[in-house]
């Protein structure tokens, strides 16, 4: 059974940092491109970052402005999202995901709240 479990969320002040983790099971993790998405209240879910198999290709969306970094540890079946200089508008539920088309798998999400 495929499982993606996010952790590391919580409350942080503007300008602060958080490191999210997504631990996977039930599939061959090292073969998969892993992605982080987020969904703010009243907004559509959006892609934040992605990392390919073997970490050969990584990318973050332009809105992260170099503040976020995605990484993976295949020995631990875990993908990370390091978020620095967080802004209030980045309050959202953050999701881990892999797969394409009709074969997409999502974690349950983890809440990140950025406020004073």
Protein backbone atom coordinates (compact mmCIF):
# COMPACT_ATOMS: atom_id res chain seq x y z
CA UNK A 1 0.00 0.00 0.00
CA UNK A 2 1.41 3.35 -1.07
CA UNK A 3 1.83 5.83 1.76
CA UNK A 4 3.21 9.35 1.87
CA UNK A 5 3.41 10.93 5.32
CA UNK A 6 4.36 14.58 5.69
CA UNK A 7 5.87 16.04 8.84
CA UNK A 8 7.68 19.15 10.06
CA UNK A 9 4.94 21.70 9.61
CA UNK A 10 3.65 24.14 12.18
CA UNK A 11 3.65 27.80 13.05
CA UNK A 12 6.50 30.13 12.19
CA UNK A 13 6.95 33.89 12.24
CA UNK A 14 7.52 35.77 8.96
CA UNK A 15 11.15 35.41 7.96
CA UNK A 16 11.43 32.10 9.74
CA UNK A 17 12.32 28.65 8.43
CA UNK A 18 10.79 25.20 8.39
CA UNK A 19 11.95 21.89 7.02
CA UNK A 20 9.23 19.59 5.78
CA UNK A 21 9.76 15.86 5.36
CA UNK A 22 7.76 13.28 3.45
CA UNK A 23 8.40 9.64 4.26
CA UNK A 24 7.27 7.14 1.65
CA UNK A 25 6.46 3.45 1.66
CA UNK A 26 4.78 0.86 -0.53
CA UNK A 27 6.65 1.61 -3.75
CA UNK A 28 10.19 1.92 -5.11
CA UNK A 29 10.96 5.41 -3.88
CA UNK A 30 14.31 5.87 -5.57
CA UNK A 31 12.78 5.46 -9.03
CA UNK A 32 10.23 8.22 -8.63
CA UNK A 33 10.26 11.95 -9.23
CA UNK A 34 8.90 13.49 -6.04
CA UNK A 35 7.07 16.78 -5.78
CA UNK A 36 5.88 19.23 -3.17
CA UNK A 37 2.65 21.13 -3.72
CA UNK A 38 0.79 23.59 -1.54
CA UNK A 39 -2.75 24.86 -1.28
CA UNK A 40 -3.64 28.08 0.46
CA UNK A 41 -7.19 28.74 1.69
CA UNK A 42 -9.43 29.66 -1.23
CA UNK A 43 -6.72 29.01 -3.81
CA UNK A 44 -5.83 26.19 -6.18
CA UNK A 45 -3.16 23.69 -5.37
CA UNK A 46 0.18 24.69 -6.89
CA UNK A 47 3.48 23.01 -7.54
CA UNK A 48 6.31 24.21 -5.30
CA UNK A 49 9.28 21.98 -6.13
CA UNK A 50 10.29 18.70 -7.73
CA UNK A 51 13.24 16.35 -7.59
CA UNK A 52 14.02 13.57 -10.02
CA UNK A 53 15.28 10.08 -9.47
CA UNK A 54 18.83 10.14 -8.19
CA UNK A 55 18.53 13.89 -7.56
CA UNK A 56 19.74 14.42 -11.12
CA UNK A 57 17.17 17.11 -11.74
CA UNK A 58 15.71 19.47 -9.16
CA UNK A 59 13.61 22.56 -9.50
CA UNK A 60 11.65 25.08 -7.51
CA UNK A 61 9.03 27.45 -8.80
CA UNK A 62 9.96 31.07 -9.46
CA UNK A 63 7.86 32.34 -6.59
CA UNK A 64 10.19 30.65 -4.12
CA UNK A 65 12.86 33.18 -5.14
CA UNK A 66 15.70 30.90 -4.10
CA UNK A 67 14.36 30.60 -0.56
CA UNK A 68 13.26 26.96 -0.85
CA UNK A 69 15.28 23.84 -1.57
CA UNK A 70 14.16 20.28 -2.26
CA UNK A 71 16.29 17.25 -1.50
CA UNK A 72 15.91 13.51 -0.99
CA UNK A 73 17.46 10.68 0.98
CA UNK A 74 16.78 7.45 -0.86
CA UNK A 75 18.17 5.38 2.03
CA UNK A 76 15.39 6.81 4.22
CA UNK A 77 12.69 6.95 1.51
CA UNK A 78 12.27 10.60 2.39
CA UNK A 79 12.02 13.84 0.45
CA UNK A 80 12.56 17.20 2.13
CA UNK A 81 11.54 20.78 1.52
CA UNK A 82 13.67 23.38 3.25
CA UNK A 83 11.79 26.69 3.41
CA UNK A 84 13.57 29.88 4.46
CA UNK A 85 12.42 33.50 4.76
CA UNK A 86 8.80 32.42 4.86
CA UNK A 87 6.11 34.99 4.10
CA UNK A 88 2.60 35.29 5.56
CA UNK A 89 1.12 34.55 2.15
CA UNK A 90 2.77 31.15 2.24
CA UNK A 91 0.42 29.87 4.86
CA UNK A 92 -0.96 26.70 3.28
CA UNK A 93 -1.29 22.97 3.46
CA UNK A 94 1.80 21.40 1.91
CA UNK A 95 1.52 18.07 0.13
CA UNK A 96 3.96 15.44 -1.04
CA UNK A 97 3.19 13.78 -4.37
CA UNK A 98 4.45 11.43 -7.04
CA UNK A 99 3.13 9.99 -10.26
CA UNK A 100 1.50 11.41 -13.38
CA UNK A 101 -1.85 11.35 -15.08
CA UNK A 102 -4.19 8.74 -13.68
CA UNK A 103 -1.54 7.29 -11.39
CA UNK A 104 -0.94 10.12 -8.94
CA UNK A 105 -0.43 9.61 -5.24
CA UNK A 106 -0.78 12.29 -2.57
CA UNK A 107 0.03 12.56 1.08
CA UNK A 108 -2.56 13.91 3.50
CA UNK A 109 -0.74 17.21 3.77
CA UNK A 110 0.81 19.20 6.56
CA UNK A 111 -0.22 22.65 7.71
CA UNK A 112 2.27 25.53 7.61
CA UNK A 113 1.16 28.78 9.22
CA UNK A 114 3.23 31.94 8.81
CA UNK A 115 2.16 34.79 11.05
CA UNK A 116 3.42 37.15 13.74
